[in-house]
Amino acid sequence: MLKLTDQELEATIYDIEAGIECYYNKQNHTIFTNIELDIIYSSSEVEEMIAQKDERIIPYLDFEKNPDNYSFLSRMPSSDSYRLMETFINYHVNDEALQRKLQRAIDQKKPFRRFKDTLINNSDQLMRAWSKFEMNKKIDALKFQIQLIIDANED
């Protein structure tokens, strides 16, 4: 059973899309975000955290010691993201002229950028609806990915 909140999943999606490696911990059913410690802390701070067994360092030590307890979480493939735009155009945009504009936008090079630009230039309300729709679908996809990990771990 998935114990993560939608807010935790949304934060994980933002991290994954920013290029940060995220893993699902199969033992305690949490997300581990593998941020390079030397970006956040100095080497002496990291050494002190290790020596004092600081709670901030424990997930990193566990990840290094027990890598089999973790499953990599991947970002939604661009083909799936493209299908989200198509679905949104077909089922959430009522204005036929705007539907045609959006369809032309995604049929060209750089479809994701052109889609968002077209939304921004035509309707703030629709842009907000797109953002909410997209995030909800990405949360659903991440939940599905995690559920597959849970199910595989139960076998």
C-alpha atoms as a PDB file:
ATOM      1  CA  MET A   1       0.000   0.000   0.000  1.00  0.00           C
ATOM      2  CA  LEU A   2       1.314   3.423  -0.985  1.00  0.00           C
ATOM      3  CA  LYS A   3       1.846   5.643   2.051  1.00  0.00           C
ATOM      4  CA  LEU A   4       3.145   8.758   0.298  1.00  0.00           C
ATOM      5  CA  THR A   5       1.064  11.914  -0.010  1.00  0.00           C
ATOM      6  CA  ASP A   6       0.371  13.627  -3.313  1.00  0.00           C
ATOM      7  CA  GLN A   7       2.474  16.555  -2.055  1.00  0.00           C
ATOM      8  CA  GLU A   8       5.458  14.226  -1.502  1.00  0.00           C
ATOM      9  CA  LEU A   9       4.949  12.716  -4.941  1.00  0.00           C
ATOM     10  CA  GLU A  10       4.683  16.164  -6.537  1.00  0.00           C
ATOM     11  CA  ALA A  11       7.959  17.230  -4.892  1.00  0.00           C
ATOM     12  CA  THR A  12       9.555  14.018  -6.168  1.00  0.00           C
ATOM     13  CA  ILE A  13       8.345  14.746  -9.703  1.00  0.00           C
ATOM     14  CA  TYR A  14       9.890  18.233  -9.551  1.00  0.00           C
ATOM     15  CA  ASP A  15      13.172  16.698  -8.337  1.00  0.00           C
ATOM     16  CA  ILE A  16      13.187  14.032 -11.067  1.00  0.00           C
ATOM     17  CA  GLU A  17      12.448  16.629 -13.741  1.00  0.00           C
ATOM     18  CA  ALA A  18      15.297  18.763 -12.380  1.00  0.00           C
ATOM     19  CA  GLY A  19      17.659  15.841 -12.981  1.00  0.00           C
ATOM     20  CA  ILE A  20      17.971  14.709  -9.373  1.00  0.00           C
ATOM     21  CA  GLU A  21      18.098  10.954  -8.860  1.00  0.00           C
ATOM     22  CA  CYS A  22      15.216   9.713  -6.737  1.00  0.00           C
ATOM     23  CA  TYR A  23      14.715   6.212  -5.380  1.00  0.00           C
ATOM     24  CA  TYR A  24      11.916   4.356  -3.675  1.00  0.00           C
ATOM     25  CA  ASN A  25      13.047   2.709  -0.433  1.00  0.00           C
ATOM     26  CA  LYS A  26      11.374  -0.712  -0.485  1.00  0.00           C
ATOM     27  CA  GLN A  27      11.954  -1.270   3.234  1.00  0.00           C
ATOM     28  CA  ASN A  28      10.467   1.850   4.790  1.00  0.00           C
ATOM     29  CA  HIS A  29       8.340   2.962   1.811  1.00  0.00           C
ATOM     30  CA  THR A  30       9.836   6.422   1.484  1.00  0.00           C
ATOM     31  CA  ILE A  31      11.475   8.414  -1.279  1.00  0.00           C
ATOM     32  CA  PHE A  32      15.215   8.955  -1.136  1.00  0.00           C
ATOM     33  CA  THR A  33      16.429  11.997  -3.065  1.00  0.00           C
ATOM     34  CA  ASN A  34      20.093  11.484  -3.865  1.00  0.00           C
ATOM     35  CA  ILE A  35      21.414  15.028  -3.830  1.00  0.00           C
ATOM     36  CA  GLU A  36      25.189  15.313  -3.885  1.00  0.00           C
ATOM     37  CA  LEU A  37      26.089  16.187  -0.307  1.00  0.00           C
ATOM     38  CA  ASP A  38      29.132  18.218  -1.334  1.00  0.00           C
ATOM     39  CA  ILE A  39      26.786  20.622  -3.130  1.00  0.00           C
ATOM     40  CA  ILE A  40      24.943  21.323   0.118  1.00  0.00           C
ATOM     41  CA  TYR A  41      27.653  20.835   2.757  1.00  0.00           C
ATOM     42  CA  SER A  42      31.398  21.296   2.983  1.00  0.00           C
ATOM     43  CA  SER A  43      33.516  18.146   3.228  1.00  0.00           C
ATOM     44  CA  SER A  44      34.244  18.869   6.903  1.00  0.00           C
ATOM     45  CA  GLU A  45      30.492  19.195   7.594  1.00  0.00           C
ATOM     46  CA  VAL A  46      29.850  15.853   5.895  1.00  0.00           C
ATOM     47  CA  GLU A  47      32.635  14.204   7.920  1.00  0.00           C
ATOM     48  CA  GLU A  48      31.199  15.654  11.133  1.00  0.00           C
ATOM     49  CA  MET A  49      27.697  14.470  10.212  1.00  0.00           C
ATOM     50  CA  ILE A  50      29.035  10.951   9.616  1.00  0.00           C
ATOM     51  CA  ALA A  51      30.985  10.944  12.878  1.00  0.00           C
ATOM     52  CA  GLN A  52      27.954  12.143  14.860  1.00  0.00           C
ATOM     53  CA  LYS A  53      25.528   9.906  12.932  1.00  0.00           C
ATOM     54  CA  ASP A  54      23.480  12.981  12.129  1.00  0.00           C
ATOM     55  CA  GLU A  55      19.954  12.026  11.020  1.00  0.00           C
ATOM     56  CA  ARG A  56      20.470  13.985   7.768  1.00  0.00           C
ATOM     57  CA  ILE A  57      23.263  11.597   6.705  1.00  0.00           C
ATOM     58  CA  ILE A  58      21.556   8.307   7.643  1.00  0.00           C
ATOM     59  CA  PRO A  59      19.610   7.924   4.359  1.00  0.00           C
ATOM     60  CA  TYR A  60      22.833   8.417   2.366  1.00  0.00           C
ATOM     61  CA  LEU A  61      24.707   5.847   4.429  1.00  0.00           C
ATOM     62  CA  ASP A  62      21.840   3.374   4.102  1.00  0.00           C
ATOM     63  CA  PHE A  63      21.689   3.954   0.343  1.00  0.00           C
ATOM     64  CA  GLU A  64      25.403   3.181   0.034  1.00  0.00           C
ATOM     65  CA  LYS A  65      25.236   0.166   2.359  1.00  0.00           C
ATOM     66  CA  ASN A  66      21.975  -1.368   1.040  1.00  0.00           C
ATOM     67  CA  PRO A  67      21.519  -0.352  -2.612  1.00  0.00           C
ATOM     68  CA  ASP A  68      19.239  -3.355  -3.245  1.00  0.00           C
ATOM     69  CA  ASN A  69      16.660  -1.795  -0.909  1.00  0.00           C
ATOM     70  CA  TYR A  70      16.180   1.043  -3.391  1.00  0.00           C
ATOM     71  CA  SER A  71      14.525   1.236  -6.804  1.00  0.00           C
ATOM     72  CA  PHE A  72      15.260   4.071  -9.206  1.00  0.00           C
ATOM     73  CA  LEU A  73      12.278   6.273 -10.082  1.00  0.00           C
ATOM     74  CA  SER A  74      12.229   7.403 -13.686  1.00  0.00           C
ATOM     75  CA  ARG A  75      10.660  10.441 -15.255  1.00  0.00           C
ATOM     76  CA  MET A  76       7.617  10.107 -17.480  1.00  0.00           C
ATOM     77  CA  PRO A  77       8.732   9.320 -21.042  1.00  0.00           C
ATOM     78  CA  SER A  78       8.327  12.212 -23.472  1.00  0.00           C
ATOM     79  CA  SER A  79       6.009  10.079 -25.621  1.00  0.00           C
ATOM     80  CA  ASP A  80       3.621   9.815 -22.646  1.00  0.00           C
ATOM     81  CA  SER A  81       3.937  13.549 -21.968  1.00  0.00           C
ATOM     82  CA  TYR A  82       3.081  14.205 -25.617  1.00  0.00           C
ATOM     83  CA  ARG A  83      -0.033  12.032 -25.288  1.00  0.00           C
ATOM     84  CA  LEU A  84      -1.032  14.089 -22.240  1.00  0.00           C
ATOM     85  CA  MET A  85      -1.019  17.215 -24.400  1.00  0.00           C
ATOM     86  CA  GLU A  86      -3.144  15.472 -27.036  1.00  0.00           C
ATOM     87  CA  THR A  87      -5.616  14.306 -24.405  1.00  0.00           C
ATOM     88  CA  PHE A  88      -5.814  17.762 -22.890  1.00  0.00           C
ATOM     89  CA  ILE A  89      -6.469  19.360 -26.284  1.00  0.00           C
ATOM     90  CA  ASN A  90      -9.174  16.850 -27.185  1.00  0.00           C
ATOM     91  CA  TYR A  91     -11.029  16.673 -23.868  1.00  0.00           C
ATOM     92  CA  HIS A  92     -10.339  19.910 -21.969  1.00  0.00           C
ATOM     93  CA  VAL A  93     -10.208  22.647 -24.601  1.00  0.00           C
ATOM     94  CA  ASN A  94     -13.716  23.645 -25.717  1.00  0.00           C
ATOM     95  CA  ASP A  95     -12.728  26.404 -28.139  1.00  0.00           C
ATOM     96  CA  GLU A  96     -12.257  24.777 -31.576  1.00  0.00           C
ATOM     97  CA  ALA A  97      -9.967  27.550 -32.861  1.00  0.00           C
ATOM     98  CA  LEU A  98      -7.714  27.136 -29.822  1.00  0.00           C
ATOM     99  CA  GLN A  99      -7.787  23.355 -30.250  1.00  0.00           C
ATOM    100  CA  ARG A 100      -6.470  23.825 -33.809  1.00  0.00           C
ATOM    101  CA  LYS A 101      -3.760  26.254 -32.607  1.00  0.00           C
ATOM    102  CA  LEU A 102      -2.640  23.832 -29.908  1.00  0.00           C
ATOM    103  CA  GLN A 103      -2.665  20.896 -32.323  1.00  0.00           C
ATOM    104  CA  ARG A 104      -0.509  22.878 -34.787  1.00  0.00           C
ATOM    105  CA  ALA A 105       1.833  23.763 -31.928  1.00  0.00           C
ATOM    106  CA  ILE A 106       2.450  20.132 -30.963  1.00  0.00           C
ATOM    107  CA  ASP A 107       2.814  19.058 -34.602  1.00  0.00           C
ATOM    108  CA  GLN A 108       5.907  21.277 -35.006  1.00  0.00           C
ATOM    109  CA  LYS A 109       9.456  21.093 -33.673  1.00  0.00           C
ATOM    110  CA  LYS A 110       9.728  21.703 -29.924  1.00  0.00           C
ATOM    111  CA  PRO A 111       6.108  20.693 -29.271  1.00  0.00           C
ATOM    112  CA  PHE A 112       6.267  21.034 -25.466  1.00  0.00           C
ATOM    113  CA  ARG A 113       7.567  24.613 -25.571  1.00  0.00           C
ATOM    114  CA  ARG A 114       5.164  25.601 -28.383  1.00  0.00           C
ATOM    115  CA  PHE A 115       2.209  24.038 -26.533  1.00  0.00           C
ATOM    116  CA  LYS A 116       2.910  25.992 -23.351  1.00  0.00           C
ATOM    117  CA  ASP A 117       3.587  29.212 -25.260  1.00  0.00           C
ATOM    118  CA  THR A 118       0.291  28.841 -27.090  1.00  0.00           C
ATOM    119  CA  LEU A 119      -1.568  28.267 -23.828  1.00  0.00           C
ATOM    120  CA  ILE A 120       0.121  31.201 -22.107  1.00  0.00           C
ATOM    121  CA  ASN A 121      -0.630  33.521 -25.038  1.00  0.00           C
ATOM    122  CA  ASN A 122      -4.301  32.516 -25.190  1.00  0.00           C
ATOM    123  CA  SER A 123      -5.639  31.700 -21.732  1.00  0.00           C
ATOM    124  CA  ASP A 124      -4.229  31.998 -18.218  1.00  0.00           C
ATOM    125  CA  GLN A 125      -7.137  29.929 -16.951  1.00  0.00           C
ATOM    126  CA  LEU A 126      -6.435  27.146 -19.433  1.00  0.00           C
ATOM    127  CA  MET A 127      -2.715  27.267 -18.594  1.00  0.00           C
ATOM    128  CA  ARG A 128      -3.571  26.719 -14.920  1.00  0.00           C
ATOM    129  CA  ALA A 129      -5.941  23.891 -15.891  1.00  0.00           C
ATOM    130  CA  TRP A 130      -3.159  22.312 -17.984  1.00  0.00           C
ATOM    131  CA  SER A 131      -0.644  22.551 -15.128  1.00  0.00           C
ATOM    132  CA  LYS A 132      -3.071  20.878 -12.727  1.00  0.00           C
ATOM    133  CA  PHE A 133      -4.051  18.201 -15.286  1.00  0.00           C
ATOM    134  CA  GLU A 134      -0.413  17.461 -16.142  1.00  0.00           C
ATOM    135  CA  MET A 135       0.691  17.188 -12.502  1.00  0.00           C
ATOM    136  CA  ASN A 136      -2.250  14.939 -11.582  1.00  0.00           C
ATOM    137  CA  LYS A 137      -1.394  12.596 -14.469  1.00  0.00           C
ATOM    138  CA  LYS A 138       2.291  12.573 -13.512  1.00  0.00           C
ATOM    139  CA  ILE A 139       1.362  11.781  -9.899  1.00  0.00           C
ATOM    140  CA  ASP A 140      -0.818   8.906 -11.131  1.00  0.00           C
ATOM    141  CA  ALA A 141       2.069   7.609 -13.256  1.00  0.00           C
ATOM    142  CA  LEU A 142       4.514   7.819 -10.326  1.00  0.00           C
ATOM    143  CA  LYS A 143       2.027   6.032  -8.050  1.00  0.00           C
ATOM    144  CA  PHE A 144       1.746   3.281 -10.662  1.00  0.00           C
ATOM    145  CA  GLN A 145       5.531   3.007 -10.924  1.00  0.00           C
ATOM    146  CA  ILE A 146       5.872   2.736  -7.148  1.00  0.00           C
ATOM    147  CA  GLN A 147       3.030   0.214  -6.928  1.00  0.00           C
ATOM    148  CA  LEU A 148       4.872  -1.987  -9.450  1.00  0.00           C
ATOM    149  CA  ILE A 149       7.956  -1.823  -7.213  1.00  0.00           C
ATOM    150  CA  ILE A 150       5.874  -2.723  -4.134  1.00  0.00           C
ATOM    151  CA  ASP A 151       4.184  -5.619  -5.946  1.00  0.00           C
ATOM    152  CA  ALA A 152       7.519  -6.957  -7.213  1.00  0.00           C
ATOM    153  CA  ASN A 153       8.987  -6.728  -3.727  1.00  0.00           C
ATOM    154  CA  GLU A 154       6.119  -8.756  -2.237  1.00  0.00           C
ATOM    155  CA  ASP A 155       6.863 -11.741  -4.482  1.00  0.00           C
END
